[in-house]
Amino acid sequence: MWYATITEQSTTFTVVAVQLSIFLNKLESQRTQLAYSRLFPGMPIILMARDPRGVPIYIGRIDIVNFLKIADPSVIPWQTSQPDRNLLRIARDHHGFMKLAS
């Protein structure tokens, strides 16, 4: 999973890269945000995908999305790690089937 935890103007949030198919499906994007909120408790979760032209697009809290839209995507401090599969499985089982980007 690719993610970045960012603090901007005293707000800490996490951006998670997901597949475009998840991003475009409202139910799947909500389930994905919920699952990741368990990995990053207390933080707004913003989903990021790339449109067909490769331009980053975001879903989440509107003030954060607006900030990310004007931010240079190359300065986002991306990290990669294996998510806690047990935690994601619990979230999935509790809230229905979901697909996660790897």
Protein backbone atom coordinates (compact mmCIF):
# COMPACT_ATOMS: atom_id res chain seq x y z
CA MET A 1 0.00 0.00 0.00
CA TRP A 2 1.19 3.51 -0.81
CA TYR A 3 0.27 6.20 1.67
CA ALA A 4 1.42 9.54 3.04
CA THR A 5 0.68 11.07 6.41
CA ILE A 6 0.78 14.85 6.19
CA THR A 7 0.34 17.66 8.69
CA GLU A 8 -0.78 20.95 7.20
CA GLN A 9 -2.08 23.90 9.21
CA SER A 10 -2.30 21.74 12.36
CA THR A 11 -4.41 19.08 10.59
CA THR A 12 -2.89 15.63 10.23
CA PHE A 13 -4.37 13.41 7.54
CA THR A 14 -3.45 10.37 5.50
CA VAL A 15 -3.57 10.07 1.73
CA VAL A 16 -3.90 6.50 0.43
CA ALA A 17 -3.31 5.58 -3.21
CA VAL A 18 -6.05 3.36 -4.61
CA GLN A 19 -7.02 1.92 -7.96
CA LEU A 20 -9.16 4.14 -10.17
CA SER A 21 -11.97 1.54 -10.09
CA ILE A 22 -12.23 1.90 -6.30
CA PHE A 23 -12.08 5.68 -6.54
CA LEU A 24 -14.93 5.80 -9.07
CA ASN A 25 -17.22 3.49 -7.06
CA LYS A 26 -18.78 5.52 -4.24
CA LEU A 27 -19.56 2.50 -2.05
CA GLU A 28 -16.11 0.97 -2.50
CA SER A 29 -14.38 4.28 -1.84
CA GLN A 30 -16.39 4.76 1.39
CA ARG A 31 -15.57 1.23 2.54
CA THR A 32 -11.91 1.75 1.73
CA GLN A 33 -11.81 5.02 3.68
CA LEU A 34 -13.45 3.29 6.64
CA ALA A 35 -10.97 0.41 6.59
CA TYR A 36 -7.99 2.75 6.44
CA SER A 37 -9.44 4.91 9.22
CA ARG A 38 -8.87 1.90 11.47
CA LEU A 39 -5.19 1.85 10.47
CA PHE A 40 -4.86 5.62 10.94
CA PRO A 41 -7.25 6.39 13.82
CA GLY A 42 -8.37 9.96 14.32
CA MET A 43 -7.10 11.11 10.94
CA PRO A 44 -9.14 12.08 7.91
CA ILE A 45 -8.48 9.58 5.10
CA ILE A 46 -8.09 10.96 1.59
CA LEU A 47 -8.10 8.55 -1.34
CA MET A 48 -5.93 9.36 -4.32
CA ALA A 49 -6.07 7.79 -7.77
CA ARG A 50 -4.81 8.87 -11.17
CA ASP A 51 -7.20 9.70 -13.94
CA PRO A 52 -6.64 8.20 -17.41
CA ARG A 53 -4.18 11.04 -18.18
CA GLY A 54 -2.17 10.27 -15.04
CA VAL A 55 -3.34 13.36 -13.15
CA PRO A 56 -3.88 12.79 -9.41
CA ILE A 57 -7.51 13.02 -8.25
CA TYR A 58 -8.68 12.97 -4.64
CA ILE A 59 -11.74 12.06 -2.54
CA GLY A 60 -12.19 13.00 1.09
CA ARG A 61 -12.65 16.00 3.31
CA ILE A 62 -13.21 18.93 0.96
CA ASP A 63 -10.76 21.37 2.58
CA ILE A 64 -7.98 18.79 2.39
CA VAL A 65 -8.89 17.79 -1.17
CA ASN A 66 -8.78 21.46 -2.20
CA PHE A 67 -5.34 21.80 -0.61
CA LEU A 68 -4.05 18.68 -2.40
CA LYS A 69 -5.42 19.86 -5.75
CA ILE A 70 -3.08 22.86 -5.69
CA ALA A 71 -0.15 21.10 -4.01
CA ASP A 72 2.72 19.73 -6.08
CA PRO A 73 2.14 15.94 -6.06
CA SER A 74 5.89 15.30 -6.26
CA VAL A 75 6.35 16.65 -2.72
CA ILE A 76 3.89 14.24 -1.11
CA PRO A 77 6.01 12.07 1.23
CA TRP A 78 4.84 8.67 -0.05
CA GLN A 79 5.66 5.57 1.95
CA THR A 80 4.98 1.96 1.22
CA SER A 81 4.17 -0.84 3.63
CA GLN A 82 2.12 -3.94 4.00
CA PRO A 83 -1.16 -3.06 5.72
CA ASP A 84 -2.21 -5.06 8.75
CA ARG A 85 -4.18 -7.72 6.88
CA ASN A 86 -6.01 -8.85 10.02
CA LEU A 87 -7.27 -5.35 10.71
CA LEU A 88 -8.34 -4.88 7.09
CA ARG A 89 -10.04 -8.28 7.13
CA ILE A 90 -12.01 -7.30 10.24
CA ALA A 91 -13.06 -4.02 8.60
CA ARG A 92 -14.02 -5.85 5.41
CA ASP A 93 -15.98 -8.54 7.20
CA HIS A 94 -17.80 -5.99 9.33
CA HIS A 95 -18.65 -3.65 6.46
CA GLY A 96 -18.91 -5.98 3.48
CA PHE A 97 -16.56 -6.84 0.65
CA MET A 98 -13.94 -4.31 -0.37
CA LYS A 99 -10.95 -4.23 -2.68
CA LEU A 100 -7.72 -2.55 -1.67
CA ALA A 101 -4.93 -1.28 -3.85
CA SER A 102 -1.61 -2.97 -3.27
